[in-house]
Amino acid sequence: MTLSVRGLNVSSLVRDVSFEIGAGERVGLIGESGSGKSLTALAIMGLLPDELPASGSVVLNDRELLEMSEKDMSRLRGDELAMVFQEPMTALNPAMRVGRQVTEPGRVHGRRHRAEDLLSAVGLPGTARAYPHQLSGGQRQRVVLAMALANEPSLLICDEPTTALDVTVQAQILSLIKTSLPAESALLFITHDLAVVASVCERVLVMLDGEIVEAGSTREVLTQPKHEYTRKLLASSDLEARR
């Protein structure tokens, strides 16, 4: 088992959240804004602000993350544990060429990568000397994805990585995630878009007011939802139109 979350609490905003993700599994975490999805991801990454302490258990590859020091967590982030955020500029240095930025995770963790190889893998050959502001939003998200995948993490967390992109670019980024993520890596994909979950994930967790209210295979949850909230999400989505 790659990731095991047990009884996770974040202040009163995330309550008794439990789930597991095995090696190679693609799992979606869905819910409306404010449901606790991003806080759950930040708790796993060890990136919560001091005023929002986490309790419970988060185990990655047999190591308890909630008990780790920041120094130890920093060794995991960008290596065994990686995250792609909704806004790529939160992860990019505007004053550094993207070629140097995509190789930074490797340098930090004692590995050597060629910038051109990493960028070509996400469809951006010849951009190593560009600065982030010279790239489009979709291109910047590709750079962040290249950084996240550079060291072949055990777990990749994607937090609404396509929300700010138009439909065509969104499809390209989703395709890259599906094809570029190593088969043995686990994926936690956070979104409010059920059509995205249907195209990427084999299993889905539904979150409401800080709690997991439904879980199951993507097909089961999206075709035979048991919880009223899940049914409301389906009713308000454009899932059928985009299939």
Protein backbone atom coordinates (compact mmCIF):
# COMPACT_ATOMS: atom_id res chain seq x y z
CA MET A 1 0.00 0.00 0.00
CA THR A 2 1.50 3.34 -1.07
CA LEU A 3 -0.70 5.72 0.98
CA SER A 4 -2.85 5.04 4.02
CA VAL A 5 -4.85 7.86 5.62
CA ARG A 6 -6.59 7.03 8.90
CA GLY A 7 -8.77 9.33 11.00
CA LEU A 8 -7.30 12.51 9.51
CA ASN A 9 -8.51 15.71 11.15
CA VAL A 10 -7.56 19.28 10.28
CA SER A 11 -8.96 21.60 12.93
CA SER A 12 -12.74 21.28 12.47
CA LEU A 13 -12.50 21.56 8.69
CA VAL A 14 -11.53 17.95 7.87
CA ARG A 15 -13.00 15.26 10.10
CA ASP A 16 -12.11 11.59 10.45
CA VAL A 17 -11.04 11.11 6.83
CA SER A 18 -9.78 7.63 5.99
CA PHE A 19 -8.78 6.07 2.67
CA GLU A 20 -6.00 4.10 1.01
CA ILE A 21 -4.32 4.30 -2.38
CA GLY A 22 -2.30 1.38 -3.65
CA ALA A 23 0.67 1.46 -6.00
CA GLY A 24 -0.50 2.28 -9.51
CA GLU A 25 -4.02 3.31 -8.44
CA ARG A 26 -5.66 6.45 -9.83
CA VAL A 27 -8.09 7.84 -7.26
CA GLY A 28 -10.27 10.93 -7.53
CA LEU A 29 -11.31 13.16 -4.63
CA ILE A 30 -14.35 15.20 -5.60
CA GLY A 31 -16.54 17.79 -3.94
CA GLU A 32 -17.50 21.43 -4.11
CA SER A 33 -15.16 24.27 -3.15
CA GLY A 34 -14.68 24.41 0.60
CA SER A 35 -15.39 20.72 1.14
CA GLY A 36 -11.89 20.02 2.50
CA LYS A 37 -10.25 18.47 -0.56
CA SER A 38 -7.25 20.80 -0.74
CA LEU A 39 -6.75 20.74 3.03
CA THR A 40 -6.56 16.96 2.85
CA ALA A 41 -3.89 17.22 0.16
CA LEU A 42 -1.91 19.84 2.09
CA ALA A 43 -2.03 17.65 5.20
CA ILE A 44 -0.55 14.75 3.23
CA MET A 45 2.15 17.04 1.83
CA GLY A 46 2.96 18.56 5.23
CA LEU A 47 2.13 22.04 3.93
CA LEU A 48 -0.63 23.12 6.29
CA PRO A 49 -0.23 26.51 7.99
CA ASP A 50 0.70 26.40 11.67
CA GLU A 51 -2.79 27.49 12.73
CA LEU A 52 -4.30 24.37 11.14
CA PRO A 53 -2.64 21.36 12.80
CA ALA A 54 -3.40 17.87 11.51
CA SER A 55 -4.03 14.79 13.63
CA GLY A 56 -4.64 11.15 12.84
CA SER A 57 -2.37 9.08 10.62
CA VAL A 58 -0.91 9.56 7.13
CA VAL A 59 1.43 6.73 6.13
CA LEU A 60 3.40 6.76 2.88
CA ASN A 61 5.43 3.64 2.12
CA ASP A 62 5.39 2.59 5.80
CA ARG A 63 6.43 6.02 7.11
CA GLU A 64 4.18 8.17 9.29
CA LEU A 65 4.18 11.62 7.68
CA LEU A 66 2.38 13.51 10.44
CA GLU A 67 5.21 12.71 12.86
CA MET A 68 7.99 13.78 10.50
CA SER A 69 10.03 16.93 10.97
CA GLU A 70 9.96 19.58 8.26
CA LYS A 71 13.52 18.60 7.35
CA ASP A 72 12.48 14.99 6.76
CA MET A 73 9.34 16.02 4.86
CA SER A 74 11.40 18.25 2.58
CA ARG A 75 13.42 15.18 1.61
CA LEU A 76 10.22 13.43 0.51
CA ARG A 77 8.61 16.35 -1.32
CA GLY A 78 9.69 16.45 -4.94
CA ASP A 79 11.00 12.91 -4.68
CA GLU A 80 8.62 10.22 -3.37
CA LEU A 81 5.82 12.74 -2.91
CA ALA A 82 4.92 15.41 -5.47
CA MET A 83 2.06 17.82 -6.07
CA VAL A 84 0.69 19.84 -8.98
CA PHE A 85 -1.34 22.88 -7.93
CA GLN A 86 -4.16 24.67 -9.75
CA GLU A 87 -2.08 27.79 -10.40
CA PRO A 88 1.35 26.88 -11.83
CA MET A 89 2.93 30.22 -10.90
CA THR A 90 2.68 29.23 -7.23
CA ALA A 91 5.34 26.59 -8.00
CA LEU A 92 7.45 28.51 -10.52
CA ASN A 93 10.12 31.16 -9.97
CA PRO A 94 9.33 34.01 -12.39
CA ALA A 95 13.01 35.05 -12.51
CA MET A 96 14.44 31.61 -13.37
CA ARG A 97 14.49 29.91 -16.77
CA VAL A 98 12.20 26.89 -16.89
CA GLY A 99 15.02 24.56 -17.90
CA ARG A 100 16.76 25.14 -14.59
CA GLN A 101 13.49 24.83 -12.69
CA VAL A 102 12.53 21.43 -14.10
CA THR A 103 15.91 19.98 -13.13
CA GLU A 104 15.82 21.46 -9.61
CA PRO A 105 14.00 18.46 -8.00
CA GLY A 106 16.70 16.17 -9.34
CA ARG A 107 19.53 18.36 -8.05
CA VAL A 108 17.93 18.64 -4.61
CA HIS A 109 17.61 14.87 -4.34
CA GLY A 110 20.96 13.96 -5.86
CA ARG A 111 19.77 12.97 -9.32
CA ARG A 112 20.77 14.34 -12.70
CA HIS A 113 18.25 15.08 -15.43
CA ARG A 114 18.52 16.86 -18.76
CA ALA A 115 16.10 19.77 -18.96
CA GLU A 116 15.42 19.14 -22.64
CA ASP A 117 14.46 15.51 -21.93
CA LEU A 118 12.04 16.49 -19.15
CA LEU A 119 10.45 19.28 -21.18
CA SER A 120 10.20 17.20 -24.35
CA ALA A 121 8.39 14.49 -22.36
CA VAL A 122 5.57 16.97 -21.67
CA GLY A 123 5.49 18.38 -25.19
CA LEU A 124 7.69 21.45 -24.66
CA PRO A 125 10.88 20.90 -26.66
CA GLY A 126 13.05 23.97 -27.15
CA THR A 127 11.65 25.92 -24.19
CA ALA A 128 14.44 25.39 -21.64
CA ARG A 129 15.67 28.99 -21.89
CA ALA A 130 12.21 30.55 -21.59
CA TYR A 131 10.99 32.33 -18.48
CA PRO A 132 7.56 31.40 -17.08
CA HIS A 133 5.94 34.66 -18.24
CA GLN A 134 6.87 33.80 -21.83
CA LEU A 135 4.74 30.64 -21.71
CA SER A 136 0.97 30.20 -21.81
CA GLY A 137 -0.97 28.93 -18.81
CA GLY A 138 -1.15 25.44 -20.29
CA GLN A 139 2.58 25.44 -21.03
CA ARG A 140 3.39 26.55 -17.49
CA GLN A 141 1.26 23.70 -16.13
CA ARG A 142 3.24 21.30 -18.33
CA VAL A 143 6.46 22.63 -16.78
CA VAL A 144 5.10 22.03 -13.28
CA LEU A 145 4.03 18.53 -14.29
CA ALA A 146 7.54 17.85 -15.62
CA MET A 147 8.97 18.98 -12.27
CA ALA A 148 6.55 16.77 -10.34
CA LEU A 149 7.31 13.69 -12.44
CA ALA A 150 11.08 14.19 -12.70
CA ASN A 151 11.92 11.79 -9.86
CA GLU A 152 9.07 9.33 -10.54
CA PRO A 153 7.21 9.87 -7.24
CA SER A 154 5.44 7.09 -5.36
CA LEU A 155 2.46 9.45 -5.01
CA LEU A 156 1.43 12.35 -7.24
CA ILE A 157 -1.28 14.69 -5.96
CA CYS A 158 -2.99 16.90 -8.54
CA ASP A 159 -5.14 19.65 -7.03
CA GLU A 160 -7.49 21.04 -9.70
CA PRO A 161 -4.62 21.19 -12.24
CA THR A 162 -6.86 21.93 -15.23
CA THR A 163 -9.53 24.20 -13.74
CA ALA A 164 -8.08 27.45 -15.11
CA LEU A 165 -7.45 26.03 -18.60
CA ASP A 166 -9.69 25.97 -21.66
CA VAL A 167 -11.21 22.65 -22.70
CA THR A 168 -8.66 21.83 -25.41
CA VAL A 169 -5.64 22.51 -23.20
CA GLN A 170 -7.35 20.71 -20.31
CA ALA A 171 -7.64 17.57 -22.43
CA GLN A 172 -3.95 17.79 -23.33
CA ILE A 173 -2.87 18.09 -19.68
CA LEU A 174 -5.10 15.18 -18.63
CA SER A 175 -3.66 13.05 -21.42
CA LEU A 176 -0.13 13.91 -20.26
CA ILE A 177 -0.93 12.94 -16.68
CA LYS A 178 -2.35 9.60 -17.81
CA THR A 179 0.52 8.77 -20.15
CA SER A 180 3.49 10.28 -18.26
CA LEU A 181 2.82 9.03 -14.74
CA PRO A 182 4.79 5.80 -14.14
CA ALA A 183 2.53 2.75 -13.97
CA GLU A 184 3.59 1.99 -10.39
CA SER A 185 2.99 5.54 -9.12
CA ALA A 186 -0.22 6.31 -7.23
CA LEU A 187 -2.36 9.32 -8.16
CA LEU A 188 -4.72 11.38 -6.00
CA PHE A 189 -6.61 13.67 -8.37
CA ILE A 190 -8.61 16.45 -6.71
CA THR A 191 -11.36 18.11 -8.71
CA HIS A 192 -14.96 19.27 -8.73
CA ASP A 193 -15.33 18.15 -12.35
CA LEU A 194 -16.94 14.71 -12.58
CA ALA A 195 -16.11 14.38 -16.28
CA VAL A 196 -12.42 14.71 -15.44
CA VAL A 197 -12.71 12.03 -12.77
CA ALA A 198 -14.46 9.73 -15.23
CA SER A 199 -11.61 10.09 -17.73
CA VAL A 200 -8.68 9.75 -15.31
CA CYS A 201 -9.64 7.78 -12.20
CA GLU A 202 -10.65 4.19 -11.50
CA ARG A 203 -11.87 4.92 -7.98
CA VAL A 204 -13.48 8.00 -6.45
CA LEU A 205 -14.00 9.53 -3.00
CA VAL A 206 -16.77 12.08 -2.46
CA MET A 207 -16.17 14.79 0.14
CA LEU A 208 -18.77 17.00 1.83
CA ASP A 209 -18.14 19.42 4.70
CA GLY A 210 -14.80 17.85 5.56
CA GLU A 211 -15.97 14.23 5.51
CA ILE A 212 -15.86 11.37 3.00
CA VAL A 213 -19.53 10.58 2.38
CA GLU A 214 -19.18 8.05 -0.44
CA ALA A 215 -16.44 5.92 -1.98
CA GLY A 216 -16.27 3.25 -4.64
CA SER A 217 -15.27 2.51 -8.20
CA THR A 218 -15.73 5.46 -10.55
CA ARG A 219 -18.33 3.57 -12.55
CA GLU A 220 -20.36 2.66 -9.46
CA VAL A 221 -20.29 6.10 -7.89
CA LEU A 222 -21.10 7.96 -11.10
CA THR A 223 -23.82 5.59 -12.33
CA GLN A 224 -25.33 4.36 -9.05
CA PRO A 225 -24.64 7.04 -6.43
CA LYS A 226 -25.80 6.18 -2.93
CA HIS A 227 -25.47 9.54 -1.18
CA GLU A 228 -27.83 12.42 -1.87
CA TYR A 229 -24.90 14.83 -2.21
CA THR A 230 -23.31 12.68 -4.92
CA ARG A 231 -26.61 12.62 -6.78
CA LYS A 232 -26.74 16.43 -6.60
CA LEU A 233 -23.20 16.69 -7.97
CA LEU A 234 -24.15 14.44 -10.87
CA ALA A 235 -27.34 16.35 -11.56
CA SER A 236 -25.46 19.65 -11.76
CA SER A 237 -22.56 18.31 -13.86
CA ASP A 238 -22.12 18.17 -17.63
CA LEU A 239 -20.71 14.65 -17.43
CA GLU A 240 -23.02 13.13 -20.02
CA ALA A 241 -22.50 15.97 -22.46
CA ARG A 242 -18.73 15.56 -22.35
CA ARG A 243 -18.56 11.77 -22.67
